[in-house]
């Protein structure tokens, strides 16, 4: 225990510092190498990150900088070559502890829209009666109404991605991981989905890690943005985004001078890192 002197010259035991709040994600000196020997390629690292609960962290950088690798490490799909990854204090387990949204919706085409969400709830052990109540609510949260009984192939690509997000939100895991989920969509649909995700994130307070190439998307969605260098990906910039996350219109948010300044700073960092 530390000992401190008071102004009179006597000593007293200092109170132990309070433990910091447990992190939703902890990445400690992590590297990840693909291949062996002469063919080995270091994709990431070393990287250290601490993501507190409720944060919306966006990883941004050029292609091949290790963003998706880092996300897979957090999801437990990959194991670090060196260092440690913890989610809620535990080694991550694939399919457990995190909702996942990929670039492609990866829905089951033989099931209905509601059936895809129902599958996630059933896998989590939610009773049938409760699932019937929660499915339309989850779909409404992502802007989908009156499509529960339609087949996946009967709805648009943007609607399919909304279903994928609803499915990821269905199980109340503390962590949501998104790997360029809007990259394949047209600009208008992408913007609408960004707005829906930002609204749902603000309402639920769920910790999120989002991978993107888009600087504008990073600023719009994130409460914190991390820029990665070219391979092997290291942290070039770690920047909090002090923009309002409550009841604010998207057009008003994008019109703020602070928004333009943050976008310019992050854009410069991405170009320099690449």
Protein backbone atom coordinates (compact mmCIF):
# COMPACT_ATOMS: atom_id res chain seq x y z
CA UNK A 1 0.00 0.00 0.00
CA UNK A 2 1.31 3.44 -0.86
CA UNK A 3 2.35 5.80 1.93
CA UNK A 4 1.84 9.56 1.64
CA UNK A 5 2.98 12.43 3.81
CA UNK A 6 0.56 14.97 5.22
CA UNK A 7 1.44 18.70 5.40
CA UNK A 8 2.56 18.31 9.04
CA UNK A 9 5.12 15.73 8.05
CA UNK A 10 3.40 12.64 9.46
CA UNK A 11 2.60 9.70 7.25
CA UNK A 12 -0.68 7.98 6.56
CA UNK A 13 -1.73 5.02 4.52
CA UNK A 14 -3.22 6.09 1.24
CA UNK A 15 -6.58 4.65 0.31
CA UNK A 16 -6.26 2.03 -2.41
CA UNK A 17 -7.37 3.31 -5.76
CA UNK A 18 -10.78 2.13 -6.87
CA UNK A 19 -10.75 -0.59 -9.47
CA UNK A 20 -11.58 0.72 -12.92
CA UNK A 21 -14.88 -0.33 -14.46
CA UNK A 22 -14.58 -3.72 -16.15
CA UNK A 23 -14.00 -3.39 -19.87
CA UNK A 24 -16.39 -4.81 -22.44
CA UNK A 25 -13.35 -5.66 -24.60
CA UNK A 26 -9.68 -5.75 -23.66
CA UNK A 27 -6.93 -6.26 -26.24
CA UNK A 28 -3.47 -6.46 -24.73
CA UNK A 29 -0.36 -6.40 -26.95
CA UNK A 30 -2.03 -8.54 -29.59
CA UNK A 31 -0.42 -9.63 -32.84
CA UNK A 32 -1.84 -12.04 -35.38
CA UNK A 33 0.17 -13.88 -38.01
CA UNK A 34 -1.22 -15.84 -40.96
CA UNK A 35 0.90 -18.66 -42.37
CA UNK A 36 4.23 -20.05 -41.28
CA UNK A 37 7.91 -19.63 -42.05
CA UNK A 38 8.78 -17.64 -45.14
CA UNK A 39 5.08 -17.39 -46.05
CA UNK A 40 4.10 -15.84 -42.71
CA UNK A 41 2.28 -12.50 -42.87
CA UNK A 42 1.69 -10.36 -39.79
CA UNK A 43 -1.79 -8.93 -40.24
CA UNK A 44 -2.17 -7.03 -36.97
CA UNK A 45 -0.09 -5.71 -34.16
CA UNK A 46 1.00 -5.11 -31.71
CA UNK A 47 -2.33 -3.55 -30.70
CA UNK A 48 -3.68 -2.71 -27.26
CA UNK A 49 -7.22 -1.41 -26.78
CA UNK A 50 -9.67 -1.10 -23.92
CA UNK A 51 -13.33 -0.66 -24.84
CA UNK A 52 -15.54 0.41 -21.92
CA UNK A 53 -19.16 -0.72 -21.71
CA UNK A 54 -21.57 1.25 -23.88
CA UNK A 55 -18.95 2.59 -26.27
CA UNK A 56 -19.47 2.53 -30.04
CA UNK A 57 -15.96 1.93 -31.35
CA UNK A 58 -15.32 2.25 -35.08
CA UNK A 59 -12.21 0.74 -36.68
CA UNK A 60 -11.30 2.49 -39.93
CA UNK A 61 -8.43 2.18 -42.36
CA UNK A 62 -7.39 1.15 -45.84
CA UNK A 63 -7.99 -2.33 -47.25
CA UNK A 64 -5.72 -4.98 -45.77
CA UNK A 65 -4.87 -3.07 -42.59
CA UNK A 66 -6.27 -5.76 -40.30
CA UNK A 67 -9.64 -4.28 -39.29
CA UNK A 68 -11.61 -7.46 -39.96
CA UNK A 69 -8.88 -9.61 -38.42
CA UNK A 70 -9.14 -7.59 -35.22
CA UNK A 71 -12.91 -8.03 -35.23
CA UNK A 72 -12.56 -11.81 -35.70
CA UNK A 73 -10.17 -11.91 -32.75
CA UNK A 74 -12.76 -10.14 -30.60
CA UNK A 75 -15.46 -12.56 -31.82
CA UNK A 76 -13.27 -15.57 -31.03
CA UNK A 77 -13.09 -16.79 -34.63
CA UNK A 78 -9.32 -16.35 -34.52
CA UNK A 79 -6.82 -16.67 -31.68
CA UNK A 80 -4.02 -14.12 -31.32
CA UNK A 81 -0.50 -15.23 -32.15
CA UNK A 82 0.70 -13.22 -29.15
CA UNK A 83 -1.09 -11.20 -26.50
CA UNK A 84 -4.57 -11.65 -25.07
CA UNK A 85 -8.14 -10.76 -25.99
CA UNK A 86 -10.91 -10.62 -23.40
CA UNK A 87 -14.62 -9.95 -23.79
CA UNK A 88 -16.30 -9.15 -20.47
CA UNK A 89 -13.19 -10.48 -18.76
CA UNK A 90 -13.24 -13.87 -20.50
CA UNK A 91 -11.63 -15.32 -23.63
CA UNK A 92 -14.16 -14.82 -26.44
CA UNK A 93 -16.08 -17.86 -27.65
CA UNK A 94 -17.37 -18.04 -31.23
CA UNK A 95 -21.12 -17.54 -31.39
CA UNK A 96 -21.36 -16.69 -27.70
CA UNK A 97 -21.36 -13.33 -25.98
CA UNK A 98 -21.64 -11.18 -29.11
CA UNK A 99 -24.13 -10.44 -31.86
CA UNK A 100 -22.54 -10.51 -35.31
CA UNK A 101 -23.41 -8.68 -38.54
CA UNK A 102 -21.35 -9.27 -41.68
CA UNK A 103 -21.09 -7.54 -45.05
CA UNK A 104 -23.55 -10.07 -46.47
CA UNK A 105 -26.75 -10.70 -44.51
CA UNK A 106 -26.19 -14.50 -44.33
CA UNK A 107 -29.86 -15.22 -43.75
CA UNK A 108 -31.54 -18.59 -44.23
CA UNK A 109 -33.46 -18.23 -47.51
CA UNK A 110 -35.85 -21.12 -46.76
CA UNK A 111 -37.13 -19.31 -43.66
CA UNK A 112 -39.33 -16.25 -43.45
CA UNK A 113 -38.06 -12.90 -42.21
CA UNK A 114 -39.59 -13.58 -38.81
CA UNK A 115 -38.29 -17.13 -38.90
CA UNK A 116 -34.70 -15.88 -39.19
CA UNK A 117 -35.10 -13.74 -36.10
CA UNK A 118 -36.99 -16.52 -34.33
CA UNK A 119 -34.06 -18.88 -34.87
CA UNK A 120 -31.71 -16.58 -32.95
CA UNK A 121 -34.20 -16.25 -30.09
CA UNK A 122 -34.81 -19.99 -29.97
CA UNK A 123 -31.07 -20.66 -29.95
CA UNK A 124 -30.85 -18.37 -26.91
CA UNK A 125 -33.57 -20.33 -25.11
CA UNK A 126 -36.31 -17.70 -25.30
CA UNK A 127 -39.75 -19.32 -24.76
CA UNK A 128 -42.03 -19.57 -27.80
CA UNK A 129 -44.68 -17.20 -26.40
CA UNK A 130 -42.07 -14.53 -25.69
CA UNK A 131 -40.48 -14.97 -29.13
CA UNK A 132 -43.81 -14.22 -30.80
CA UNK A 133 -43.94 -10.88 -28.95
CA UNK A 134 -40.31 -9.90 -29.45
CA UNK A 135 -39.97 -10.63 -33.19
CA UNK A 136 -42.22 -7.79 -34.49
CA UNK A 137 -40.69 -5.43 -31.94
CA UNK A 138 -37.15 -6.23 -33.08
CA UNK A 139 -38.10 -5.80 -36.74
CA UNK A 140 -39.78 -2.46 -35.97
CA UNK A 141 -36.60 -1.30 -34.20
CA UNK A 142 -34.71 -1.58 -37.51
CA UNK A 143 -37.47 0.02 -39.58
CA UNK A 144 -39.18 -3.12 -40.85
CA UNK A 145 -42.96 -3.39 -40.69
CA UNK A 146 -45.37 -5.94 -42.18
CA UNK A 147 -42.60 -8.17 -43.61
CA UNK A 148 -42.44 -10.81 -40.88
CA UNK A 149 -44.14 -13.48 -43.01
CA UNK A 150 -42.32 -12.72 -46.24
CA UNK A 151 -39.50 -14.89 -47.55
CA UNK A 152 -35.97 -13.53 -47.56
CA UNK A 153 -35.81 -13.54 -51.35
CA UNK A 154 -38.94 -11.36 -51.47
CA UNK A 155 -37.31 -8.36 -49.81
CA UNK A 156 -34.56 -5.99 -50.95
CA UNK A 157 -30.88 -6.20 -50.07
CA UNK A 158 -31.22 -3.28 -47.68
CA UNK A 159 -34.16 -4.94 -45.95
CA UNK A 160 -32.20 -8.19 -45.69
CA UNK A 161 -29.40 -6.36 -43.92
CA UNK A 162 -31.95 -4.86 -41.53
CA UNK A 163 -33.11 -8.40 -40.75
CA UNK A 164 -29.49 -9.39 -40.07
CA UNK A 165 -29.16 -6.50 -37.60
CA UNK A 166 -32.47 -7.42 -35.92
CA UNK A 167 -31.24 -11.00 -35.60
CA UNK A 168 -27.98 -9.82 -34.01
CA UNK A 169 -29.95 -7.64 -31.58
CA UNK A 170 -32.39 -10.46 -30.77
CA UNK A 171 -30.16 -12.07 -28.19
CA UNK A 172 -29.33 -9.59 -25.45
CA UNK A 173 -25.58 -10.06 -25.61
CA UNK A 174 -23.61 -7.13 -24.23
CA UNK A 175 -21.52 -6.83 -27.40
CA UNK A 176 -22.39 -6.16 -31.05
CA UNK A 177 -19.75 -6.71 -33.76
CA UNK A 178 -20.32 -5.39 -37.30
CA UNK A 179 -17.96 -6.03 -40.21
CA UNK A 180 -18.67 -3.50 -43.01
CA UNK A 181 -22.39 -4.34 -42.91
CA UNK A 182 -23.42 -1.55 -45.33
CA UNK A 183 -20.58 -1.76 -47.86
CA UNK A 184 -22.59 -3.52 -50.57
CA UNK A 185 -25.62 -1.21 -50.38
CA UNK A 186 -26.52 1.85 -52.44
CA UNK A 187 -25.80 5.24 -50.92
CA UNK A 188 -29.38 6.08 -49.89
CA UNK A 189 -30.03 2.70 -48.26
CA UNK A 190 -26.66 2.86 -46.53
CA UNK A 191 -27.44 6.29 -45.08
CA UNK A 192 -30.84 5.15 -43.80
CA UNK A 193 -29.33 2.07 -42.16
CA UNK A 194 -26.64 4.20 -40.52
CA UNK A 195 -29.39 6.35 -39.04
CA UNK A 196 -31.30 3.28 -37.79
CA UNK A 197 -28.20 1.75 -36.25
CA UNK A 198 -27.23 5.00 -34.55
CA UNK A 199 -30.73 5.34 -33.11
CA UNK A 200 -30.85 1.74 -31.87
CA UNK A 201 -27.36 2.05 -30.41
CA UNK A 202 -28.29 5.18 -28.48
CA UNK A 203 -31.47 3.50 -27.20
CA UNK A 204 -29.89 0.22 -26.07
CA UNK A 205 -26.46 1.40 -24.94
CA UNK A 206 -24.96 -1.85 -26.19
CA UNK A 207 -21.19 -1.92 -26.68
CA UNK A 208 -20.43 -2.05 -30.41
CA UNK A 209 -17.34 -2.51 -32.57
CA UNK A 210 -17.86 -1.51 -36.20
CA UNK A 211 -15.47 -1.95 -39.13
CA UNK A 212 -15.62 0.40 -42.14
CA UNK A 213 -13.61 2.04 -44.89
CA UNK A 214 -15.78 5.15 -44.78
CA UNK A 215 -14.57 8.14 -42.79
CA UNK A 216 -18.00 9.77 -42.86
CA UNK A 217 -19.61 6.57 -41.58
CA UNK A 218 -17.03 6.36 -38.80
CA UNK A 219 -17.75 9.90 -37.58
CA UNK A 220 -21.51 9.52 -37.88
CA UNK A 221 -21.73 6.24 -35.97
CA UNK A 222 -18.84 6.21 -33.54
CA UNK A 223 -18.42 7.53 -30.04
CA UNK A 224 -14.74 6.71 -30.62
CA UNK A 225 -12.76 6.10 -33.80
CA UNK A 226 -9.52 4.14 -34.12
CA UNK A 227 -7.51 4.46 -37.34
CA UNK A 228 -5.23 1.55 -38.22
CA UNK A 229 -2.01 1.76 -40.21
CA UNK A 230 -1.25 -0.33 -43.25
CA UNK A 231 -0.36 -3.96 -42.55
CA UNK A 232 0.53 -4.95 -39.93
CA UNK A 233 -2.29 -2.89 -38.48
CA UNK A 234 -1.31 -0.70 -35.56
CA UNK A 235 -3.12 2.22 -34.00
CA UNK A 236 -2.37 5.45 -35.86
CA UNK A 237 -5.11 7.53 -34.20
CA UNK A 238 -7.44 6.92 -31.26
CA UNK A 239 -9.99 9.71 -31.16
CA UNK A 240 -13.13 10.24 -29.05
CA UNK A 241 -16.11 11.62 -30.97
CA UNK A 242 -17.77 14.20 -28.68
CA UNK A 243 -20.95 14.57 -30.74
CA UNK A 244 -24.50 14.28 -29.35
CA UNK A 245 -25.88 10.72 -29.47
CA UNK A 246 -29.39 11.35 -28.23
CA UNK A 247 -32.36 12.89 -29.98
CA UNK A 248 -30.64 14.70 -32.83
CA UNK A 249 -31.64 14.76 -36.48
CA UNK A 250 -29.02 13.21 -38.82
CA UNK A 251 -28.99 16.27 -41.07
CA UNK A 252 -28.41 18.55 -38.07
CA UNK A 253 -25.58 16.34 -36.84
CA UNK A 254 -23.83 16.33 -40.21
CA UNK A 255 -24.20 20.13 -40.43
CA UNK A 256 -22.24 20.74 -37.22
CA UNK A 257 -18.81 22.40 -37.69
CA UNK A 258 -17.40 19.85 -35.23
CA UNK A 259 -18.59 17.04 -37.50
CA UNK A 260 -16.70 18.47 -40.47
CA UNK A 261 -13.57 19.02 -38.35
CA UNK A 262 -13.59 15.44 -37.04
CA UNK A 263 -14.15 14.04 -40.51
CA UNK A 264 -11.20 16.07 -41.83
CA UNK A 265 -8.91 14.96 -38.99
CA UNK A 266 -9.77 11.28 -39.38
CA UNK A 267 -9.56 11.46 -43.16
CA UNK A 268 -6.08 12.94 -42.94
CA UNK A 269 -5.04 10.21 -40.50
CA UNK A 270 -6.37 7.45 -42.79
CA UNK A 271 -4.50 8.84 -45.79
CA UNK A 272 -1.29 9.25 -43.80
CA UNK A 273 -1.54 5.75 -42.31
CA UNK A 274 -2.08 4.18 -45.72
